[in-house]
Structures are given as structure tokens and as C-alpha cells.
Amino acid sequence: MDPELLLEDSDEASFSNYANPNVATGLRHRKHSNSGFTSPAVTSSKNPRVRVPACDWNQTAVADASAAALEIAEGDQVPSNENTYTSSLIAGLRPSIHSSTHHAAVTTIDIHMRGFALGVICVYIALVMAVYAVVPEENIVRLSGIEQRGAVMAMSLIAVSFLSRIVPLVNGAPHKCHQSTKLSGIFIGGLTVQLVAFFTDFIMANFPVPVVIDPVLGSRVHLLRWCEWAPCATFMTFMMEGADLYWEGDMPPTDFMRTKYIHSATQGGAVFLGLMFPFCSSQKTWAAAMFAACCFYLTNFPRIWNRMKTIPSSLSEGATVEEAERFNAAKIALRLRSVCILVWSIIVMLYFVSSYFGPRFSSEGSLLKSPEATMICECFFDVLSKVLFLVTIVDVHYAVFDPFARTERRLEELRQLMSAVWENSSD
């Protein structure tokens, strides 16, 4: 393959990740330095030669081009100063010895997310059928007033968010910075969560739904909302965990996948216990379920604290492209965790305010004393969490899971390397 043609094609592509100075994605951030950084990839002799180590990029086109760039013809003069920009640039493109491990980790997470998406739909359908079967017929009612309008509003906003991601894919323009894309497991997962939320609001707005009274709090409980939250909270947590691909060293820890599943199960278990509150036969049973649900939910905070301490603030010098991808994905995942935990914590607080404190301590005529207060709060913050989640999930998709975007990044690394070598070689 002609490397000049390959580089010419890569110049026409859009590499917005590298144009953003706030995103540490690769060689663009390896600046000229006089700090004594020595490049092991440049050798000096009587007839200097520049040897560029070929990186295992898992992309045939890029591998061919890097092989073509292995040696600059004898007689080309390379500046003797080892601290030149070229030396630093070539050193930054060090061999990715464990790039196959990186590729295997990304592939494994992607496969698990695709299976998880199918499982979420199946569990949601099973839960909906179960609550319709066990709830007495007199408790299956059609919503009206503010509750019905809240469901319509939530359904509409979710539909707009969903279509804003689907329509560009159908039209062949998935992203303003990328000419093509491939639906990854995490992208499918984000769309699946919104699809489940949309159908929940659609059913609540147009059909009779099971509504029961909490035996302890005395508030109205819309069971379909909890049927949506139980599988979606589990899947959203797993996607947050799956996006966090950062690990220290060359190999992922032995409990890499197990930790992600365990933390996801804690959040799904917390919501499932919330679904069980109206069916608790005594106050002691209700209190035990509430205590367990709160304990499961609170595991979010030590988990995010641990990841904040583990993930470094910046990428080390001379990191590989794969390490940059994992670092950037982990940073996005950390932002995703923060947003979701914030919104979920607000939902938890509003649950107690609208179900217990509002009806007992608010003045007459207050919205918090209204039976519809719970529905309004649930609709608003459910939409907020789903929309913000999908926006960030798309960023994670293009950062690490989209094969086209990954190829673009590797071509950009190669283009910068070849440009620097050409500019610093003599005629």
C-alpha cells in the first residue's frame, strides 16, 4: 500500500478528538521539550537511519502503512539532538505490546453489552406481565389529569432524544465528526434504555396501569415505573462500568468483569426491592427491604471514590494509542457516573419528600401534598437521567467502541509521525 496515498486520504478525514486540547488522545499532545526525554526509537551512526517501531494496531491498512514507514533511506540526515520534536514524536508511538489485550477487552465488553440489552427487554416484559397478573383488577386504572399529562410529556421528550440519534444513522451521517459508524454494544444499550422508558410512558399515558398504595407511606405507587427502573438501572450501571476500561499495568485485573457485574447487581437489587415495597405484609418487612435497598444504593459512593483515586489526572508521556483510548473512556465514564449518581440521588430524595415529608409537613394546597407529586417527580427526573445518559454514552462509543473512529485515530497518529519525519529529513 502506498503510504502517501494513505496519508493523503487520512488528511481528508475529520479528527476532532485531536483538535480538542482538553482531550488527551495521542501524539498531538507530545510537545517539544528540553526535559531530557530520550527516544529509544532513534539511533545515530555514521549513516543515520530512523527506525519506527510498527505498532500492533489490529487494523490492516494502518499496519501496512506503518510497515512502509519502518525505514527512511540511508543518507537522510536526522538532527543529532535527541530532544527534537521528531524524537519525542517517534518515542510517543512506542510498540503496543499488549494491544491484543486491549482489543480483547473492548470486544468482550461489547459482546456482553449486546447480550445485556436483549436481557433488559426480556426482564422488562416479564416484570410488566407479572405486575398485571398479581395486582387486583380494581387497582388497574387509567391515569388522568396531571399524572396522564406528565406521562405524555415524558414520552414526547424521550422520543425526541431517541429519534435525534436514530435519524442521523438512517441518513448516513451518524456524527458531525465521523463519516460512518458501526453500532456498538454500548450505543445499542443506550438506545435500549430509552426504548424501554418510552414504552413505559406510552402505556401509562394511554392504557390502564397498575397503581397501588404503599402500606407504610400511604403514597401512590406506579408499578410500571419500577418495572422500567429495575432492569434499566442494572444495565445503566453496567454500561458505566463497561465504559471504564482503565487499569494499571499491561493486563486487566483478574476480577475485571466480575466487579462490573457485582456493582450492577447491587443497583438493580436496590430498585427491585423498591418494586417490592407495596407488597410487604408488615412494617418490619417493609423496613428491612428499605434498609437493604439503601445499603445497595449507597455502594455507588465508595465505588466512584475508588475510581477517582485510581484514574490519573493526565496521561503519562509515551503512552500508546490503546492506553490513550482507555484513559479517555475512563474519564468519560467518570463523568457519566457523576451525572447519573447525582440525578439518581435526587430521585431518591424526592421519593421520600413526595411520599412521606410532603404529605405530612407541607401546607394545604401545596403540590407536595398532592397525590400526583410522586408521578411528576418521577417523570421529570427519569427523562433527565435518560437524556443525559445517552448523550454521554455516544461520547463513549466514539471514544473507544467505534472501529471507524479508532481507525481514524491511528491514521492521524501515523500522519503526524510521517509529517514530522519528512520535515526533519534532508533532501
Protein backbone atom coordinates (compact mmCIF):
# COMPACT_ATOMS: atom_id res chain seq x y z
CA MET A 1 0.00 0.00 0.00
CA ASP A 2 1.34 3.43 -0.92
CA PRO A 3 1.79 5.35 2.36
CA GLU A 4 1.49 8.69 0.57
CA LEU A 5 -1.96 7.76 -0.71
CA LEU A 6 -2.95 6.53 2.72
CA LEU A 7 -1.81 9.74 4.39
CA GLU A 8 -3.49 11.80 1.72
CA ASP A 9 -6.78 10.03 2.43
CA SER A 10 -6.33 10.45 6.15
CA ASP A 11 -5.86 14.22 5.71
CA GLU A 12 -9.38 14.41 4.32
CA ALA A 13 -10.90 12.79 7.40
CA SER A 14 -12.05 14.75 10.40
CA PHE A 15 -10.13 14.15 13.60
CA SER A 16 -11.93 16.34 16.10
CA ASN A 17 -10.67 14.40 19.12
CA TYR A 18 -7.16 15.58 18.36
CA ALA A 19 -8.24 19.14 17.75
CA ASN A 20 -9.63 19.37 21.25
CA PRO A 21 -6.81 20.43 23.60
CA ASN A 22 -8.75 19.17 26.59
CA VAL A 23 -8.78 15.56 25.39
CA ALA A 24 -5.57 13.58 25.76
CA THR A 25 -5.88 11.23 22.85
CA GLY A 26 -2.39 10.87 21.43
CA LEU A 27 0.59 12.38 19.81
CA ARG A 28 -0.70 15.86 19.23
CA HIS A 29 -0.08 16.49 22.91
CA ARG A 30 3.57 15.39 22.80
CA LYS A 31 5.15 18.84 22.62
CA HIS A 32 8.78 19.82 22.00
CA SER A 33 10.59 19.54 25.28
CA ASN A 34 14.11 20.08 26.61
CA SER A 35 13.47 17.92 29.64
CA GLY A 36 15.97 15.28 28.56
CA PHE A 37 13.43 12.87 27.13
CA THR A 38 15.33 10.29 25.09
CA SER A 39 13.84 8.41 22.20
CA PRO A 40 14.75 4.74 22.10
CA ALA A 41 13.45 4.59 18.54
CA VAL A 42 16.13 6.86 17.00
CA THR A 43 19.67 5.57 16.52
CA SER A 44 22.71 7.57 15.41
CA SER A 45 25.59 6.12 13.42
CA LYS A 46 27.84 7.03 10.53
CA ASN A 47 24.89 6.66 8.22
CA PRO A 48 21.95 7.62 10.43
CA ARG A 49 18.76 5.68 10.00
CA VAL A 50 15.43 6.29 11.61
CA ARG A 51 13.58 3.16 12.63
CA VAL A 52 9.95 3.47 13.62
CA PRO A 53 8.59 0.51 15.58
CA ALA A 54 5.50 -0.93 13.93
CA CYS A 55 2.62 -0.96 16.39
CA ASP A 56 0.09 -3.76 16.51
CA TRP A 57 -2.99 -1.70 15.77
CA ASN A 58 -5.33 -4.51 14.76
CA GLN A 59 -6.07 -2.57 11.59
CA THR A 60 -4.62 -3.95 8.32
CA ALA A 61 -4.43 -0.66 6.46
CA VAL A 62 -2.61 1.10 9.26
CA ALA A 63 -0.25 -1.82 9.77
CA ASP A 64 0.67 -1.80 6.08
CA ALA A 65 1.40 1.90 6.17
CA SER A 66 3.48 1.66 9.33
CA ALA A 67 5.49 -1.14 7.76
CA ALA A 68 6.16 1.09 4.76
CA ALA A 69 7.43 3.75 7.15
CA LEU A 70 9.83 1.47 9.01
CA GLU A 71 12.99 2.82 7.44
CA ILE A 72 13.97 6.17 5.99
CA ALA A 73 16.51 5.80 3.20
CA GLU A 74 20.17 5.83 4.18
CA GLY A 75 21.79 9.19 3.90
CA ASP A 76 18.83 11.17 5.24
CA GLN A 77 20.16 13.33 7.97
CA VAL A 78 18.45 13.33 11.35
CA PRO A 79 19.26 16.13 13.81
CA SER A 80 21.78 14.92 16.36
CA ASN A 81 19.84 16.45 19.24
CA GLU A 82 17.83 13.60 20.73
CA ASN A 83 15.38 16.07 22.30
CA THR A 84 14.00 17.21 18.97
CA TYR A 85 10.30 17.16 18.22
CA THR A 86 10.80 14.21 15.87
CA SER A 87 12.49 12.13 18.55
CA SER A 88 9.73 12.88 21.02
CA LEU A 89 7.09 12.12 18.42
CA ILE A 90 8.57 8.78 17.40
CA ALA A 91 9.05 7.79 21.03
CA GLY A 92 5.39 8.53 21.66
CA LEU A 93 4.46 5.89 19.10
CA ARG A 94 6.13 3.10 21.03
CA PRO A 95 5.18 -0.52 20.31
CA SER A 96 1.83 -1.61 21.73
CA ILE A 97 2.97 -4.94 23.10
CA HIS A 98 -0.36 -5.68 24.73
CA SER A 99 -2.64 -4.12 22.13
CA SER A 100 -4.29 -7.52 21.61
CA THR A 101 -5.31 -7.43 25.28
CA HIS A 102 -6.86 -4.01 24.74
CA HIS A 103 -8.71 -5.23 21.68
CA ALA A 104 -9.92 -8.33 23.55
CA ALA A 105 -11.19 -6.22 26.47
CA VAL A 106 -13.14 -3.89 24.17
CA THR A 107 -14.58 -6.83 22.23
CA THR A 108 -15.59 -8.66 25.41
CA ILE A 109 -17.36 -5.63 26.88
CA ASP A 110 -19.12 -5.03 23.56
CA ILE A 111 -20.42 -8.62 23.39
CA HIS A 112 -21.64 -8.53 26.99
CA MET A 113 -23.49 -5.27 26.39
CA ARG A 114 -25.29 -6.63 23.36
CA GLY A 115 -26.48 -9.63 25.35
CA PHE A 116 -27.39 -7.39 28.28
CA ALA A 117 -29.57 -5.24 26.02
CA LEU A 118 -31.62 -8.25 24.97
CA GLY A 119 -31.86 -9.39 28.59
CA VAL A 120 -33.17 -5.98 29.70
CA ILE A 121 -36.03 -6.15 27.20
CA CYS A 122 -36.95 -9.69 28.29
CA VAL A 123 -36.83 -8.85 32.01
CA TYR A 124 -38.90 -5.70 31.47
CA ILE A 125 -41.62 -7.62 29.62
CA ALA A 126 -41.62 -10.31 32.32
CA LEU A 127 -41.97 -7.76 35.14
CA VAL A 128 -44.80 -5.92 33.38
CA MET A 129 -46.69 -9.15 32.82
CA ALA A 130 -46.11 -10.17 36.45
CA VAL A 131 -47.49 -6.96 37.99
CA TYR A 132 -50.55 -7.05 35.75
CA ALA A 133 -51.11 -10.65 36.90
CA VAL A 134 -50.75 -10.10 40.65
CA VAL A 135 -52.36 -6.67 41.09
CA PRO A 136 -56.14 -6.80 41.75
CA GLU A 137 -58.31 -5.62 38.89
CA GLU A 138 -59.67 -2.67 40.88
CA ASN A 139 -56.12 -1.32 41.16
CA ILE A 140 -55.59 -1.27 37.39
CA VAL A 141 -56.75 2.22 36.47
CA ARG A 142 -56.33 4.75 33.68
CA LEU A 143 -54.31 7.80 34.69
CA SER A 144 -55.87 11.24 34.35
CA GLY A 145 -55.07 14.88 34.98
CA ILE A 146 -51.52 15.79 35.86
CA GLU A 147 -50.39 12.17 36.02
CA GLN A 148 -51.54 11.46 32.47
CA ARG A 149 -50.09 14.71 31.11
CA GLY A 150 -46.80 14.02 32.89
CA ALA A 151 -46.55 10.64 31.15
CA VAL A 152 -47.28 12.27 27.77
CA MET A 153 -44.61 14.90 28.34
CA ALA A 154 -42.03 12.29 29.36
CA MET A 155 -42.92 10.10 26.37
CA SER A 156 -42.51 13.02 23.97
CA LEU A 157 -39.13 14.11 25.34
CA ILE A 158 -37.78 10.57 25.27
CA ALA A 159 -39.00 10.17 21.68
CA VAL A 160 -37.20 13.35 20.60
CA SER A 161 -33.96 12.21 22.24
CA PHE A 162 -34.27 8.74 20.71
CA LEU A 163 -35.03 9.97 17.18
CA SER A 164 -32.21 12.53 17.34
CA ARG A 165 -29.81 9.58 17.50
CA ILE A 166 -31.59 7.20 15.13
CA VAL A 167 -32.40 9.56 12.22
CA PRO A 168 -28.73 10.51 11.54
CA LEU A 169 -27.84 6.82 11.39
CA VAL A 170 -30.58 6.18 8.83
CA ASN A 171 -29.48 9.17 6.75
CA GLY A 172 -25.85 8.01 6.77
CA ALA A 173 -24.49 10.93 8.82
CA PRO A 174 -24.11 9.49 12.31
CA HIS A 175 -21.86 12.17 13.77
CA LYS A 176 -20.60 15.55 12.66
CA CYS A 177 -17.00 14.41 13.23
CA HIS A 178 -17.26 10.94 11.67
CA GLN A 179 -18.36 9.91 8.20
CA SER A 180 -19.50 6.43 9.22
CA THR A 181 -20.00 4.35 12.33
CA LYS A 182 -20.90 0.89 13.50
CA LEU A 183 -23.45 0.35 16.23
CA SER A 184 -21.53 -0.86 19.24
CA GLY A 185 -22.96 -2.68 22.23
CA ILE A 186 -22.87 0.46 24.38
CA PHE A 187 -24.68 2.50 21.68
CA ILE A 188 -27.35 -0.21 21.40
CA GLY A 189 -27.57 -0.25 25.19
CA GLY A 190 -28.23 3.49 25.39
CA LEU A 191 -30.97 3.22 22.77
CA THR A 192 -32.46 0.18 24.55
CA VAL A 193 -32.78 2.08 27.82
CA GLN A 194 -34.59 4.93 26.06
CA LEU A 195 -36.83 2.48 24.22
CA VAL A 196 -37.92 0.85 27.49
CA ALA A 197 -38.55 4.27 29.06
CA PHE A 198 -40.60 5.38 26.02
CA PHE A 199 -42.88 2.32 26.09
CA THR A 200 -43.38 2.71 29.84
CA ASP A 201 -44.58 6.29 29.43
CA PHE A 202 -46.63 5.34 26.37
CA ILE A 203 -48.51 2.63 28.29
CA MET A 204 -49.05 4.90 31.30
CA ALA A 205 -50.39 7.70 29.10
CA ASN A 206 -52.80 5.60 27.01
CA PHE A 207 -53.80 2.42 28.86
CA PRO A 208 -54.95 1.32 32.32
CA VAL A 209 -51.95 0.63 34.54
CA PRO A 210 -51.45 -1.00 37.98
CA VAL A 211 -51.42 1.62 40.75
CA VAL A 212 -51.21 0.53 44.39
CA ILE A 213 -50.89 2.23 47.78
CA ASP A 214 -47.71 1.86 49.82
CA PRO A 215 -48.74 0.17 53.11
CA VAL A 216 -46.36 2.28 55.22
CA LEU A 217 -46.00 5.64 53.46
CA GLY A 218 -49.55 5.72 52.09
CA SER A 219 -48.39 7.12 48.72
CA ARG A 220 -49.50 6.07 45.24
CA VAL A 221 -47.02 3.68 43.60
CA HIS A 222 -46.97 3.39 39.81
CA LEU A 223 -45.62 -0.11 39.41
CA LEU A 224 -44.79 0.21 35.72
CA ARG A 225 -42.22 2.87 36.56
CA TRP A 226 -40.46 0.48 38.90
CA CYS A 227 -40.68 -2.27 36.28
CA GLU A 228 -38.77 0.07 33.98
CA TRP A 229 -36.24 1.19 36.57
CA ALA A 230 -35.22 -2.28 37.80
CA PRO A 231 -33.66 -3.61 34.55
CA CYS A 232 -32.62 -0.17 33.28
CA ALA A 233 -30.75 0.77 36.46
CA THR A 234 -28.87 -2.52 36.27
CA PHE A 235 -27.97 -2.00 32.61
CA MET A 236 -27.06 1.67 33.00
CA THR A 237 -24.71 0.77 35.84
CA PHE A 238 -23.14 -1.98 33.75
CA MET A 239 -22.60 0.46 30.87
CA MET A 240 -20.95 2.92 33.25
CA GLU A 241 -18.72 0.12 34.48
CA GLY A 242 -18.08 -1.17 30.97
CA ALA A 243 -17.03 2.24 29.69
CA ASP A 244 -14.40 2.42 32.44
CA LEU A 245 -11.63 0.41 30.76
CA TYR A 246 -8.74 1.91 32.68
CA TRP A 247 -6.41 -0.44 34.51
CA GLU A 248 -2.90 -0.16 35.85
CA GLY A 249 -0.25 -2.26 34.16
CA ASP A 250 -0.31 -4.17 30.89
CA MET A 251 -3.09 -6.64 31.77
CA PRO A 252 -6.56 -6.09 33.24
CA PRO A 253 -7.16 -7.39 36.79
CA THR A 254 -8.45 -10.92 37.20
CA ASP A 255 -11.80 -9.69 38.54
CA PHE A 256 -12.23 -7.17 35.73
CA MET A 257 -15.66 -8.37 34.55
CA ARG A 258 -16.85 -9.81 37.85
CA THR A 259 -16.56 -6.43 39.61
CA LYS A 260 -18.68 -4.78 36.93
CA TYR A 261 -21.44 -7.37 37.24
CA ILE A 262 -21.46 -7.25 41.04
CA HIS A 263 -21.84 -3.48 41.20
CA SER A 264 -24.54 -3.57 38.52
CA ALA A 265 -26.43 -6.19 40.53
CA THR A 266 -26.39 -4.00 43.64
CA GLN A 267 -28.15 -1.16 41.82
CA GLY A 268 -30.65 -3.48 40.16
CA GLY A 269 -31.32 -5.11 43.52
CA ALA A 270 -31.95 -1.74 45.17
CA VAL A 271 -34.62 -0.85 42.60
CA PHE A 272 -36.19 -4.31 42.66
CA LEU A 273 -36.62 -4.01 46.42
CA GLY A 274 -38.35 -0.69 45.77
CA LEU A 275 -40.76 -2.54 43.50
CA MET A 276 -41.48 -4.91 46.40
CA PHE A 277 -42.36 -2.17 48.94
CA PRO A 278 -46.13 -2.17 48.21
CA PHE A 279 -46.26 -5.95 48.59
CA CYS A 280 -44.62 -6.07 52.04
CA SER A 281 -47.07 -7.61 54.51
CA SER A 282 -45.76 -5.88 57.64
CA GLN A 283 -43.86 -2.80 58.72
CA LYS A 284 -40.86 -4.90 59.75
CA THR A 285 -40.66 -6.49 56.33
CA TRP A 286 -41.01 -3.08 54.68
CA ALA A 287 -38.28 -1.60 56.93
CA ALA A 288 -35.93 -4.49 56.19
CA ALA A 289 -36.47 -4.09 52.44
CA MET A 290 -35.93 -0.32 52.69
CA PHE A 291 -32.71 -0.78 54.70
CA ALA A 292 -31.32 -3.31 52.21
CA ALA A 293 -32.26 -1.09 49.24
CA CYS A 294 -30.50 1.92 50.77
CA CYS A 295 -27.39 -0.15 51.53
CA PHE A 296 -27.26 -1.41 47.94
CA TYR A 297 -27.68 2.09 46.53
CA LEU A 298 -25.03 3.67 48.77
CA THR A 299 -22.36 1.40 47.26
CA ASN A 300 -22.27 3.96 44.41
CA PHE A 301 -20.29 6.41 46.52
CA PRO A 302 -17.31 4.26 47.58
CA ARG A 303 -17.20 2.92 44.04
CA ILE A 304 -16.91 6.34 42.40
CA TRP A 305 -14.43 7.45 45.06
CA ASN A 306 -12.26 4.43 44.30
CA ARG A 307 -12.29 5.14 40.55
CA MET A 308 -11.47 8.82 41.13
CA LYS A 309 -8.37 7.80 43.07
CA THR A 310 -7.35 5.07 40.60
CA ILE A 311 -7.71 7.00 37.33
CA PRO A 312 -4.82 9.51 36.98
CA SER A 313 -5.45 13.16 36.19
CA SER A 314 -3.40 13.03 32.98
CA LEU A 315 -1.88 10.52 30.58
CA SER A 316 1.77 9.65 31.05
CA GLU A 317 4.34 10.59 28.40
CA GLY A 318 4.97 7.96 25.75
CA ALA A 319 1.63 6.20 26.19
CA THR A 320 0.31 4.03 23.39
CA VAL A 321 -2.82 4.74 21.39
CA GLU A 322 -4.61 1.96 23.26
CA GLU A 323 -3.69 3.45 26.63
CA ALA A 324 -4.96 6.83 25.46
CA GLU A 325 -8.26 5.26 24.43
CA ARG A 326 -8.71 3.54 27.78
CA PHE A 327 -7.76 6.71 29.64
CA ASN A 328 -10.21 8.89 27.70
CA ALA A 329 -13.01 6.33 28.03
CA ALA A 330 -12.41 6.12 31.79
CA LYS A 331 -12.58 9.91 32.10
CA ILE A 332 -15.88 9.99 30.20
CA ALA A 333 -17.17 7.09 32.30
CA LEU A 334 -16.25 9.01 35.45
CA ARG A 335 -18.27 11.97 34.22
CA LEU A 336 -21.13 9.61 33.39
CA ARG A 337 -21.02 8.14 36.90
CA SER A 338 -21.11 11.60 38.47
CA VAL A 339 -24.12 12.72 36.42
CA CYS A 340 -26.11 9.52 36.97
CA ILE A 341 -25.40 9.34 40.70
CA LEU A 342 -26.41 12.98 41.09
CA VAL A 343 -29.72 12.51 39.25
CA TRP A 344 -30.44 9.18 40.96
CA SER A 345 -29.73 10.72 44.37
CA ILE A 346 -32.20 13.50 43.61
CA ILE A 347 -34.81 10.87 42.65
CA VAL A 348 -34.20 9.04 45.95
CA MET A 349 -34.55 12.24 47.98
CA LEU A 350 -37.70 13.27 46.12
CA TYR A 351 -39.15 9.81 46.74
CA PHE A 352 -39.02 10.43 50.49
CA VAL A 353 -40.11 14.07 50.14
CA SER A 354 -43.14 13.33 47.94
CA SER A 355 -44.09 10.12 49.77
CA TYR A 356 -43.50 10.97 53.42
CA PHE A 357 -42.39 14.51 54.32
CA GLY A 358 -44.53 16.37 51.78
CA PRO A 359 -47.94 14.90 52.71
CA ARG A 360 -47.22 15.24 56.45
CA PHE A 361 -45.46 18.58 56.78
CA SER A 362 -46.46 20.71 53.77
CA SER A 363 -49.32 23.21 53.90
CA GLU A 364 -52.74 22.61 52.42
CA GLY A 365 -52.87 23.18 48.68
CA SER A 366 -49.14 22.54 48.26
CA LEU A 367 -48.02 20.44 45.31
CA LEU A 368 -46.10 18.16 47.68
CA LYS A 369 -49.36 17.29 49.41
CA SER A 370 -50.94 16.27 46.13
CA PRO A 371 -51.10 12.52 45.33
CA GLU A 372 -49.74 13.32 41.86
CA ALA A 373 -46.49 14.78 43.22
CA THR A 374 -44.71 11.43 43.04
CA MET A 375 -45.64 10.93 39.39
CA ILE A 376 -44.48 14.42 38.41
CA CYS A 377 -41.10 14.00 40.09
CA GLU A 378 -40.58 10.54 38.64
CA CYS A 379 -41.38 11.65 35.08
CA PHE A 380 -39.16 14.73 35.13
CA PHE A 381 -36.04 13.17 36.58
CA ASP A 382 -36.47 9.92 34.69
CA VAL A 383 -36.33 11.87 31.42
CA LEU A 384 -33.39 13.93 32.67
CA SER A 385 -31.35 10.86 33.59
CA LYS A 386 -32.10 9.03 30.32
CA VAL A 387 -31.30 12.01 28.06
CA LEU A 388 -28.05 12.94 29.81
CA PHE A 389 -27.06 9.29 29.90
CA LEU A 390 -27.49 8.78 26.15
CA VAL A 391 -25.56 11.95 25.31
CA THR A 392 -22.56 10.73 27.31
CA ILE A 393 -22.89 7.16 26.06
CA VAL A 394 -22.48 8.43 22.48
CA ASP A 395 -19.21 10.09 23.52
CA VAL A 396 -18.00 6.78 24.99
CA HIS A 397 -18.99 4.98 21.79
CA TYR A 398 -16.84 7.23 19.60
CA ALA A 399 -14.02 7.31 22.16
CA VAL A 400 -13.33 3.58 22.27
CA PHE A 401 -16.01 1.27 20.87
CA ASP A 402 -16.48 2.56 17.32
CA PRO A 403 -13.99 0.76 15.00
CA PHE A 404 -14.15 3.53 12.37
CA ALA A 405 -13.23 6.22 14.90
CA ARG A 406 -10.44 4.04 16.26
CA THR A 407 -9.01 3.64 12.74
CA GLU A 408 -9.17 7.40 12.21
CA ARG A 409 -7.17 8.00 15.38
CA ARG A 410 -4.48 5.54 14.33
CA LEU A 411 -4.27 7.09 10.86
CA GLU A 412 -3.90 10.52 12.45
CA GLU A 413 -1.08 9.23 14.65
CA LEU A 414 0.64 7.85 11.55
CA ARG A 415 0.08 11.06 9.57
CA GLN A 416 1.69 13.19 12.29
CA LEU A 417 4.60 10.79 12.58
CA MET A 418 5.29 10.76 8.84
CA SER A 419 4.93 14.54 8.59
CA ALA A 420 7.47 15.08 11.36
CA VAL A 421 9.95 12.61 9.87
CA TRP A 422 9.60 14.21 6.42
CA GLU A 423 10.06 17.74 7.72
CA ASN A 424 13.20 16.79 9.64
CA SER A 425 14.86 14.81 6.86
CA SER A 426 17.16 16.34 4.25
CA ASP A 427 16.56 16.27 0.52
